[in-house]
Amino acid sequence: MSRSFFLGASIALGNPKAILFHASIMPLILNLDTLTFVDGLLVVATVISVNILTMGVYAALAGRASGWFRTPKRMRLMNRFAGSAMIGTGALIAAR
């Protein structure tokens, strides 16, 4: 359990899209000239806490949903839905 948690946390915190997002948005909302070390730690703690909470909710929902998809009928329904969504997206892109 703890190995999975740390693996997931390292993947989430090493996400280059999230790093670039925070690196680009933080200077717009924070005055970097007056930011102290403690303020920086607070910002980092807030970002990490929100990330853990969000990913935890996603993981809990995925865990609950996995039980629902265990029957072949529901899996077939999901595959058809996903395939239709991909075909529809491809058709929209081709129509442009």
PDB file of N, CA and C in Angstrom:
ATOM      1  N   MET A   1       0.825  -1.196   0.000  1.00  0.00           N
ATOM      2  CA  MET A   1       0.000   0.000   0.000  1.00  0.00           C
ATOM      3  C   MET A   1       0.863   1.252   0.000  1.00  0.00           C
ATOM      4  N   SER A   2       1.852   1.336   0.906  1.00  0.00           N
ATOM      5  CA  SER A   2       2.675   2.539   0.960  1.00  0.00           C
ATOM      6  C   SER A   2       3.545   2.652  -0.295  1.00  0.00           C
ATOM      7  N   ARG A   3       3.988   1.517  -0.848  1.00  0.00           N
ATOM      8  CA  ARG A   3       4.783   1.558  -2.078  1.00  0.00           C
ATOM      9  C   ARG A   3       3.947   2.131  -3.210  1.00  0.00           C
ATOM     10  N   SER A   4       2.700   1.703  -3.319  1.00  0.00           N
ATOM     11  CA  SER A   4       1.806   2.218  -4.360  1.00  0.00           C
ATOM     12  C   SER A   4       1.555   3.705  -4.168  1.00  0.00           C
ATOM     13  N   PHE A   5       1.373   4.126  -2.911  1.00  0.00           N
ATOM     14  CA  PHE A   5       1.130   5.538  -2.635  1.00  0.00           C
ATOM     15  C   PHE A   5       2.318   6.382  -3.074  1.00  0.00           C
ATOM     16  N   PHE A   6       3.521   5.967  -2.694  1.00  0.00           N
ATOM     17  CA  PHE A   6       4.709   6.742  -3.036  1.00  0.00           C
ATOM     18  C   PHE A   6       4.991   6.716  -4.538  1.00  0.00           C
ATOM     19  N   LEU A   7       4.706   5.603  -5.182  1.00  0.00           N
ATOM     20  CA  LEU A   7       4.860   5.532  -6.626  1.00  0.00           C
ATOM     21  C   LEU A   7       3.888   6.488  -7.313  1.00  0.00           C
ATOM     22  N   GLY A   8       2.645   6.468  -6.889  1.00  0.00           N
ATOM     23  CA  GLY A   8       1.648   7.379  -7.459  1.00  0.00           C
ATOM     24  C   GLY A   8       1.977   8.835  -7.189  1.00  0.00           C
ATOM     25  N   ALA A   9       2.439   9.131  -5.967  1.00  0.00           N
ATOM     26  CA  ALA A   9       2.796  10.510  -5.630  1.00  0.00           C
ATOM     27  C   ALA A   9       3.982  10.981  -6.462  1.00  0.00           C
ATOM     28  N   SER A  10       4.957  10.119  -6.672  1.00  0.00           N
ATOM     29  CA  SER A  10       6.122  10.520  -7.470  1.00  0.00           C
ATOM     30  C   SER A  10       5.742  10.757  -8.926  1.00  0.00           C
ATOM     31  N   ILE A  11       4.832   9.960  -9.450  1.00  0.00           N
ATOM     32  CA  ILE A  11       4.368  10.165 -10.825  1.00  0.00           C
ATOM     33  C   ILE A  11       3.588  11.469 -10.927  1.00  0.00           C
ATOM     34  N   ALA A  12       2.692  11.720  -9.977  1.00  0.00           N
ATOM     35  CA  ALA A  12       1.887  12.938 -10.009  1.00  0.00           C
ATOM     36  C   ALA A  12       2.750  14.182  -9.832  1.00  0.00           C
ATOM     37  N   LEU A  13       3.703  14.138  -8.908  1.00  0.00           N
ATOM     38  CA  LEU A  13       4.531  15.310  -8.652  1.00  0.00           C
ATOM     39  C   LEU A  13       5.579  15.519  -9.737  1.00  0.00           C
ATOM     40  N   GLY A  14       5.894  14.485 -10.492  1.00  0.00           N
ATOM     41  CA  GLY A  14       6.852  14.609 -11.579  1.00  0.00           C
ATOM     42  C   GLY A  14       6.206  14.868 -12.921  1.00  0.00           C
ATOM     43  N   ASN A  15       4.925  15.136 -12.933  1.00  0.00           N
ATOM     44  CA  ASN A  15       4.179  15.386 -14.161  1.00  0.00           C
ATOM     45  C   ASN A  15       4.652  16.700 -14.785  1.00  0.00           C
ATOM     46  N   PRO A  16       5.275  16.669 -15.963  1.00  0.00           N
ATOM     47  CA  PRO A  16       5.792  17.909 -16.547  1.00  0.00           C
ATOM     48  C   PRO A  16       4.705  18.927 -16.882  1.00  0.00           C
ATOM     49  N   LYS A  17       3.506  18.454 -17.231  1.00  0.00           N
ATOM     50  CA  LYS A  17       2.426  19.409 -17.529  1.00  0.00           C
ATOM     51  C   LYS A  17       2.051  20.197 -16.281  1.00  0.00           C
ATOM     52  N   ALA A  18       1.960  19.514 -15.154  1.00  0.00           N
ATOM     53  CA  ALA A  18       1.623  20.200 -13.909  1.00  0.00           C
ATOM     54  C   ALA A  18       2.735  21.156 -13.486  1.00  0.00           C
ATOM     55  N   ILE A  19       3.983  20.731 -13.652  1.00  0.00           N
ATOM     56  CA  ILE A  19       5.113  21.587 -13.288  1.00  0.00           C
ATOM     57  C   ILE A  19       5.095  22.850 -14.143  1.00  0.00           C
ATOM     58  N   LEU A  20       4.921  22.710 -15.452  1.00  0.00           N
ATOM     59  CA  LEU A  20       4.874  23.881 -16.334  1.00  0.00           C
ATOM     60  C   LEU A  20       3.680  24.773 -16.029  1.00  0.00           C
ATOM     61  N   PHE A  21       2.540  24.163 -15.715  1.00  0.00           N
ATOM     62  CA  PHE A  21       1.360  24.954 -15.361  1.00  0.00           C
ATOM     63  C   PHE A  21       1.637  25.806 -14.136  1.00  0.00           C
ATOM     64  N   HIS A  22       2.151  25.181 -13.085  1.00  0.00           N
ATOM     65  CA  HIS A  22       2.414  25.922 -11.852  1.00  0.00           C
ATOM     66  C   HIS A  22       3.522  26.947 -12.047  1.00  0.00           C
ATOM     67  N   ALA A  23       4.538  26.608 -12.826  1.00  0.00           N
ATOM     68  CA  ALA A  23       5.632  27.550 -13.067  1.00  0.00           C
ATOM     69  C   ALA A  23       5.163  28.761 -13.867  1.00  0.00           C
ATOM     70  N   SER A  24       4.154  28.577 -14.701  1.00  0.00           N
ATOM     71  CA  SER A  24       3.666  29.700 -15.504  1.00  0.00           C
ATOM     72  C   SER A  24       2.592  30.513 -14.796  1.00  0.00           C
ATOM     73  N   ILE A  25       1.780  29.875 -13.941  1.00  0.00           N
ATOM     74  CA  ILE A  25       0.672  30.585 -13.303  1.00  0.00           C
ATOM     75  C   ILE A  25       1.056  31.238 -11.974  1.00  0.00           C
ATOM     76  N   MET A  26       1.982  30.636 -11.251  1.00  0.00           N
ATOM     77  CA  MET A  26       2.330  31.161  -9.927  1.00  0.00           C
ATOM     78  C   MET A  26       2.869  32.590  -9.954  1.00  0.00           C
ATOM     79  N   PRO A  27       3.754  32.941 -10.897  1.00  0.00           N
ATOM     80  CA  PRO A  27       4.222  34.333 -10.905  1.00  0.00           C
ATOM     81  C   PRO A  27       3.118  35.348 -11.198  1.00  0.00           C
ATOM     82  N   LEU A  28       2.040  34.881 -11.812  1.00  0.00           N
ATOM     83  CA  LEU A  28       0.927  35.797 -12.097  1.00  0.00           C
ATOM     84  C   LEU A  28       0.069  36.065 -10.869  1.00  0.00           C
ATOM     85  N   ILE A  29       0.010  35.120  -9.929  1.00  0.00           N
ATOM     86  CA  ILE A  29      -0.865  35.289  -8.767  1.00  0.00           C
ATOM     87  C   ILE A  29      -0.096  35.556  -7.474  1.00  0.00           C
ATOM     88  N   LEU A  30       1.222  35.375  -7.511  1.00  0.00           N
ATOM     89  CA  LEU A  30       2.041  35.615  -6.318  1.00  0.00           C
ATOM     90  C   LEU A  30       3.061  36.707  -6.614  1.00  0.00           C
ATOM     91  N   ASN A  31       3.262  37.579  -5.646  1.00  0.00           N
ATOM     92  CA  ASN A  31       4.302  38.601  -5.779  1.00  0.00           C
ATOM     93  C   ASN A  31       5.621  37.964  -5.331  1.00  0.00           C
ATOM     94  N   LEU A  32       6.437  37.609  -6.296  1.00  0.00           N
ATOM     95  CA  LEU A  32       7.667  36.883  -5.992  1.00  0.00           C
ATOM     96  C   LEU A  32       8.689  37.748  -5.259  1.00  0.00           C
ATOM     97  N   ASP A  33       8.551  39.074  -5.350  1.00  0.00           N
ATOM     98  CA  ASP A  33       9.494  39.956  -4.657  1.00  0.00           C
ATOM     99  C   ASP A  33       9.287  39.922  -3.146  1.00  0.00           C
ATOM    100  N   THR A  34       8.068  39.683  -2.704  1.00  0.00           N
ATOM    101  CA  THR A  34       7.776  39.682  -1.265  1.00  0.00           C
ATOM    102  C   THR A  34       7.562  38.281  -0.704  1.00  0.00           C
ATOM    103  N   LEU A  35       7.712  37.273  -1.540  1.00  0.00           N
ATOM    104  CA  LEU A  35       7.490  35.887  -1.116  1.00  0.00           C
ATOM    105  C   LEU A  35       8.652  35.415  -0.237  1.00  0.00           C
ATOM    106  N   THR A  36       8.322  34.982   0.961  1.00  0.00           N
ATOM    107  CA  THR A  36       9.356  34.465   1.863  1.00  0.00           C
ATOM    108  C   THR A  36       9.471  32.955   1.686  1.00  0.00           C
ATOM    109  N   PHE A  37      10.491  32.386   2.297  1.00  0.00           N
ATOM    110  CA  PHE A  37      10.702  30.942   2.225  1.00  0.00           C
ATOM    111  C   PHE A  37       9.516  30.193   2.822  1.00  0.00           C
ATOM    112  N   VAL A  38       8.998  30.689   3.946  1.00  0.00           N
ATOM    113  CA  VAL A  38       7.846  30.044   4.598  1.00  0.00           C
ATOM    114  C   VAL A  38       6.615  30.139   3.706  1.00  0.00           C
ATOM    115  N   ASP A  39       6.431  31.274   3.033  1.00  0.00           N
ATOM    116  CA  ASP A  39       5.316  31.403   2.098  1.00  0.00           C
ATOM    117  C   ASP A  39       5.453  30.404   0.952  1.00  0.00           C
ATOM    118  N   GLY A  40       6.674  30.228   0.463  1.00  0.00           N
ATOM    119  CA  GLY A  40       6.918  29.259  -0.599  1.00  0.00           C
ATOM    120  C   GLY A  40       6.600  27.846  -0.163  1.00  0.00           C
ATOM    121  N   LEU A  41       6.997  27.509   1.064  1.00  0.00           N
ATOM    122  CA  LEU A  41       6.658  26.185   1.602  1.00  0.00           C
ATOM    123  C   LEU A  41       5.153  25.997   1.721  1.00  0.00           C
ATOM    124  N   LEU A  42       4.446  27.052   2.108  1.00  0.00           N
ATOM    125  CA  LEU A  42       2.990  26.991   2.221  1.00  0.00           C
ATOM    126  C   LEU A  42       2.344  26.766   0.851  1.00  0.00           C
ATOM    127  N   VAL A  43       2.852  27.442  -0.161  1.00  0.00           N
ATOM    128  CA  VAL A  43       2.332  27.256  -1.520  1.00  0.00           C
ATOM    129  C   VAL A  43       2.573  25.824  -1.983  1.00  0.00           C
ATOM    130  N   VAL A  44       3.787  25.324  -1.766  1.00  0.00           N
ATOM    131  CA  VAL A  44       4.116  23.947  -2.165  1.00  0.00           C
ATOM    132  C   VAL A  44       3.243  22.941  -1.408  1.00  0.00           C
ATOM    133  N   ALA A  45       3.060  23.155  -0.109  1.00  0.00           N
ATOM    134  CA  ALA A  45       2.218  22.254   0.684  1.00  0.00           C
ATOM    135  C   ALA A  45       0.774  22.280   0.195  1.00  0.00           C
ATOM    136  N   THR A  46       0.293  23.458  -0.175  1.00  0.00           N
ATOM    137  CA  THR A  46      -1.078  23.565  -0.686  1.00  0.00           C
ATOM    138  C   THR A  46      -1.228  22.827  -2.007  1.00  0.00           C
ATOM    139  N   VAL A  47      -0.274  23.021  -2.910  1.00  0.00           N
ATOM    140  CA  VAL A  47      -0.334  22.347  -4.218  1.00  0.00           C
ATOM    141  C   VAL A  47      -0.282  20.831  -4.042  1.00  0.00           C
ATOM    142  N   ILE A  48       0.608  20.358  -3.194  1.00  0.00           N
ATOM    143  CA  ILE A  48       0.728  18.915  -2.967  1.00  0.00           C
ATOM    144  C   ILE A  48      -0.542  18.360  -2.321  1.00  0.00           C
ATOM    145  N   SER A  49      -1.097  19.087  -1.357  1.00  0.00           N
ATOM    146  CA  SER A  49      -2.321  18.625  -0.686  1.00  0.00           C
ATOM    147  C   SER A  49      -3.488  18.532  -1.650  1.00  0.00           C
ATOM    148  N   VAL A  50      -3.651  19.543  -2.483  1.00  0.00           N
ATOM    149  CA  VAL A  50      -4.749  19.520  -3.462  1.00  0.00           C
ATOM    150  C   VAL A  50      -4.535  18.392  -4.460  1.00  0.00           C
ATOM    151  N   ASN A  51      -3.297  18.188  -4.876  1.00  0.00           N
ATOM    152  CA  ASN A  51      -2.993  17.109  -5.817  1.00  0.00           C
ATOM    153  C   ASN A  51      -3.304  15.744  -5.204  1.00  0.00           C
ATOM    154  N   ILE A  52      -2.892  15.527  -3.972  1.00  0.00           N
ATOM    155  CA  ILE A  52      -3.160  14.252  -3.307  1.00  0.00           C
ATOM    156  C   ILE A  52      -4.663  14.043  -3.120  1.00  0.00           C
ATOM    157  N   LEU A  53      -5.371  15.081  -2.723  1.00  0.00           N
ATOM    158  CA  LEU A  53      -6.826  14.973  -2.530  1.00  0.00           C
ATOM    159  C   LEU A  53      -7.521  14.644  -3.853  1.00  0.00           C
ATOM    160  N   THR A  54      -7.162  15.374  -4.901  1.00  0.00           N
ATOM    161  CA  THR A  54      -7.795  15.154  -6.206  1.00  0.00           C
ATOM    162  C   THR A  54      -7.511  13.755  -6.737  1.00  0.00           C
ATOM    163  N   MET A  55      -6.245  13.364  -6.710  1.00  0.00           N
ATOM    164  CA  MET A  55      -5.892  12.032  -7.212  1.00  0.00           C
ATOM    165  C   MET A  55      -6.463  10.926  -6.328  1.00  0.00           C
ATOM    166  N   GLY A  56      -6.589  11.185  -5.041  1.00  0.00           N
ATOM    167  CA  GLY A  56      -7.212  10.216  -4.140  1.00  0.00           C
ATOM    168  C   GLY A  56      -8.675   9.990  -4.471  1.00  0.00           C
ATOM    169  N   VAL A  57      -9.380  11.087  -4.779  1.00  0.00           N
ATOM    170  CA  VAL A  57     -10.789  10.966  -5.169  1.00  0.00           C
ATOM    171  C   VAL A  57     -10.900  10.195  -6.488  1.00  0.00           C
ATOM    172  N   TYR A  58     -10.026  10.522  -7.455  1.00  0.00           N
ATOM    173  CA  TYR A  58     -10.030   9.779  -8.725  1.00  0.00           C
ATOM    174  C   TYR A  58      -9.781   8.295  -8.494  1.00  0.00           C
ATOM    175  N   ALA A  59      -8.824   7.977  -7.639  1.00  0.00           N
ATOM    176  CA  ALA A  59      -8.501   6.573  -7.368  1.00  0.00           C
ATOM    177  C   ALA A  59      -9.673   5.863  -6.693  1.00  0.00           C
ATOM    178  N   ALA A  60     -10.322   6.534  -5.740  1.00  0.00           N
ATOM    179  CA  ALA A  60     -11.469   5.933  -5.058  1.00  0.00           C
ATOM    180  C   ALA A  60     -12.618   5.689  -6.037  1.00  0.00           C
ATOM    181  N   LEU A  61     -12.878   6.652  -6.902  1.00  0.00           N
ATOM    182  CA  LEU A  61     -13.949   6.483  -7.887  1.00  0.00           C
ATOM    183  C   LEU A  61     -13.610   5.371  -8.882  1.00  0.00           C
ATOM    184  N   ALA A  62     -12.352   5.297  -9.304  1.00  0.00           N
ATOM    185  CA  ALA A  62     -11.946   4.236 -10.230  1.00  0.00           C
ATOM    186  C   ALA A  62     -12.066   2.868  -9.560  1.00  0.00           C
ATOM    187  N   GLY A  63     -11.716   2.792  -8.287  1.00  0.00           N
ATOM    188  CA  GLY A  63     -11.848   1.535  -7.563  1.00  0.00           C
ATOM    189  C   GLY A  63     -13.290   1.083  -7.462  1.00  0.00           C
ATOM    190  N   ARG A  64     -14.174   2.043  -7.217  1.00  0.00           N
ATOM    191  CA  ARG A  64     -15.601   1.705  -7.146  1.00  0.00           C
ATOM    192  C   ARG A  64     -16.152   1.303  -8.514  1.00  0.00           C
ATOM    193  N   ALA A  65     -15.711   2.008  -9.557  1.00  0.00           N
ATOM    194  CA  ALA A  65     -16.217   1.729 -10.901  1.00  0.00           C
ATOM    195  C   ALA A  65     -15.696   0.399 -11.437  1.00  0.00           C
ATOM    196  N   SER A  66     -14.524  -0.035 -10.986  1.00  0.00           N
ATOM    197  CA  SER A  66     -13.963  -1.281 -11.519  1.00  0.00           C
ATOM    198  C   SER A  66     -14.863  -2.472 -11.210  1.00  0.00           C
ATOM    199  N   GLY A  67     -15.527  -2.462 -10.071  1.00  0.00           N
ATOM    200  CA  GLY A  67     -16.448  -3.541  -9.744  1.00  0.00           C
ATOM    201  C   GLY A  67     -17.650  -3.581 -10.671  1.00  0.00           C
ATOM    202  N   TRP A  68     -18.079  -2.415 -11.119  1.00  0.00           N
ATOM    203  CA  TRP A  68     -19.244  -2.329 -11.997  1.00  0.00           C
ATOM    204  C   TRP A  68     -18.931  -2.911 -13.368  1.00  0.00           C
ATOM    205  N   PHE A  69     -17.683  -2.802 -13.815  1.00  0.00           N
ATOM    206  CA  PHE A  69     -17.311  -3.250 -15.152  1.00  0.00           C
ATOM    207  C   PHE A  69     -16.839  -4.690 -15.202  1.00  0.00           C
ATOM    208  N   ARG A  70     -17.078  -5.471 -14.178  1.00  0.00           N
ATOM    209  CA  ARG A  70     -16.580  -6.850 -14.158  1.00  0.00           C
ATOM    210  C   ARG A  70     -17.424  -7.819 -14.986  1.00  0.00           C
ATOM    211  N   THR A  71     -18.644  -7.464 -15.318  1.00  0.00           N
ATOM    212  CA  THR A  71     -19.471  -8.362 -16.122  1.00  0.00           C
ATOM    213  C   THR A  71     -19.178  -8.137 -17.608  1.00  0.00           C
ATOM    214  N   PRO A  72     -19.216  -9.192 -18.405  1.00  0.00           N
ATOM    215  CA  PRO A  72     -18.940  -9.052 -19.846  1.00  0.00           C
ATOM    216  C   PRO A  72     -19.917  -8.107 -20.547  1.00  0.00           C
ATOM    217  N   LYS A  73     -21.175  -8.109 -20.116  1.00  0.00           N
ATOM    218  CA  LYS A  73     -22.171  -7.255 -20.754  1.00  0.00           C
ATOM    219  C   LYS A  73     -21.824  -5.776 -20.554  1.00  0.00           C
ATOM    220  N   ARG A  74     -21.459  -5.412 -19.342  1.00  0.00           N
ATOM    221  CA  ARG A  74     -21.113  -4.014 -19.066  1.00  0.00           C
ATOM    222  C   ARG A  74     -19.799  -3.627 -19.746  1.00  0.00           C
ATOM    223  N   MET A  75     -18.875  -4.548 -19.802  1.00  0.00           N
ATOM    224  CA  MET A  75     -17.604  -4.273 -20.476  1.00  0.00           C
ATOM    225  C   MET A  75     -17.832  -4.061 -21.963  1.00  0.00           C
ATOM    226  N   ARG A  76     -18.679  -4.869 -22.564  1.00  0.00           N
ATOM    227  CA  ARG A  76     -19.011  -4.717 -23.977  1.00  0.00           C
ATOM    228  C   ARG A  76     -19.689  -3.364 -24.216  1.00  0.00           C
ATOM    229  N   LEU A  77     -20.592  -2.977 -23.311  1.00  0.00           N
ATOM    230  CA  LEU A  77     -21.255  -1.676 -23.421  1.00  0.00           C
ATOM    231  C   LEU A  77     -20.235  -0.542 -23.350  1.00  0.00           C
ATOM    232  N   MET A  78     -19.297  -0.636 -22.428  1.00  0.00           N
ATOM    233  CA  MET A  78     -18.269   0.395 -22.286  1.00  0.00           C
ATOM    234  C   MET A  78     -17.371   0.441 -23.518  1.00  0.00           C
ATOM    235  N   ASN A  79     -16.993  -0.704 -24.045  1.00  0.00           N
ATOM    236  CA  ASN A  79     -16.171  -0.737 -25.259  1.00  0.00           C
ATOM    237  C   ASN A  79     -16.893  -0.106 -26.438  1.00  0.00           C
ATOM    238  N   ARG A  80     -18.171  -0.364 -26.567  1.00  0.00           N
ATOM    239  CA  ARG A  80     -18.952   0.231 -27.658  1.00  0.00           C
ATOM    240  C   ARG A  80     -19.059   1.746 -27.492  1.00  0.00           C
ATOM    241  N   PHE A  81     -19.282   2.176 -26.271  1.00  0.00           N
ATOM    242  CA  PHE A  81     -19.372   3.616 -26.002  1.00  0.00           C
ATOM    243  C   PHE A  81     -18.038   4.298 -26.316  1.00  0.00           C
ATOM    244  N   ALA A  82     -16.935   3.725 -25.833  1.00  0.00           N
ATOM    245  CA  ALA A  82     -15.613   4.312 -26.063  1.00  0.00           C
ATOM    246  C   ALA A  82     -15.264   4.295 -27.552  1.00  0.00           C
ATOM    247  N   GLY A  83     -15.559   3.207 -28.233  1.00  0.00           N
ATOM    248  CA  GLY A  83     -15.299   3.128 -29.670  1.00  0.00           C
ATOM    249  C   GLY A  83     -16.110   4.154 -30.447  1.00  0.00           C
ATOM    250  N   SER A  84     -17.369   4.316 -30.081  1.00  0.00           N
ATOM    251  CA  SER A  84     -18.210   5.311 -30.746  1.00  0.00           C
ATOM    252  C   SER A  84     -17.682   6.724 -30.505  1.00  0.00           C
ATOM    253  N   ALA A  85     -17.217   6.984 -29.296  1.00  0.00           N
ATOM    254  CA  ALA A  85     -16.660   8.307 -28.992  1.00  0.00           C
ATOM    255  C   ALA A  85     -15.415   8.570 -29.829  1.00  0.00           C
ATOM    256  N   MET A  86     -14.562   7.563 -29.996  1.00  0.00           N
ATOM    257  CA  MET A  86     -13.351   7.738 -30.797  1.00  0.00           C
ATOM    258  C   MET A  86     -13.689   7.929 -32.277  1.00  0.00           C
ATOM    259  N   ILE A  87     -14.649   7.166 -32.778  1.00  0.00           N
ATOM    260  CA  ILE A  87     -15.063   7.313 -34.177  1.00  0.00           C
ATOM    261  C   ILE A  87     -15.679   8.688 -34.388  1.00  0.00           C
ATOM    262  N   GLY A  88     -16.521   9.118 -33.441  1.00  0.00           N
ATOM    263  CA  GLY A  88     -17.134  10.446 -33.552  1.00  0.00           C
ATOM    264  C   GLY A  88     -16.108  11.559 -33.516  1.00  0.00           C
ATOM    265  N   THR A  89     -15.116  11.441 -32.649  1.00  0.00           N
ATOM    266  CA  THR A  89     -14.058  12.447 -32.585  1.00  0.00           C
ATOM    267  C   THR A  89     -13.264  12.472 -33.890  1.00  0.00           C
ATOM    268  N   GLY A  90     -12.948  11.306 -34.413  1.00  0.00           N
ATOM    269  CA  GLY A  90     -12.232  11.234 -35.688  1.00  0.00           C
ATOM    270  C   GLY A  90     -13.039  11.847 -36.820  1.00  0.00           C
ATOM    271  N   ALA A  91     -14.335  11.600 -36.822  1.00  0.00           N
ATOM    272  CA  ALA A  91     -15.200  12.172 -37.866  1.00  0.00           C
ATOM    273  C   ALA A  91     -15.248  13.696 -37.759  1.00  0.00           C
ATOM    274  N   LEU A  92     -15.310  14.213 -36.530  1.00  0.00           N
ATOM    275  CA  LEU A  92     -15.313  15.660 -36.344  1.00  0.00           C
ATOM    276  C   LEU A  92     -14.008  16.288 -36.813  1.00  0.00           C
ATOM    277  N   ILE A  93     -12.911  15.635 -36.507  1.00  0.00           N
ATOM    278  CA  ILE A  93     -11.604  16.150 -36.928  1.00  0.00           C
ATOM    279  C   ILE A  93     -11.496  16.109 -38.457  1.00  0.00           C
ATOM    280  N   ALA A  94     -11.952  15.020 -39.062  1.00  0.00           N
ATOM    281  CA  ALA A  94     -11.889  14.890 -40.520  1.00  0.00           C
ATOM    282  C   ALA A  94     -12.794  15.904 -41.217  1.00  0.00           C
ATOM    283  N   ALA A  95     -13.905  16.273 -40.570  1.00  0.00           N
ATOM    284  CA  ALA A  95     -14.856  17.219 -41.165  1.00  0.00           C
ATOM    285  C   ALA A  95     -14.322  18.649 -41.150  1.00  0.00           C
ATOM    286  N   ARG A  96     -13.349  18.915 -40.352  1.00  0.00           N
ATOM    287  CA  ARG A  96     -12.787  20.277 -40.300  1.00  0.00           C
ATOM    288  C   ARG A  96     -11.960  20.464 -41.489  1.00  0.00           C
TER     289      ARG A  96
END
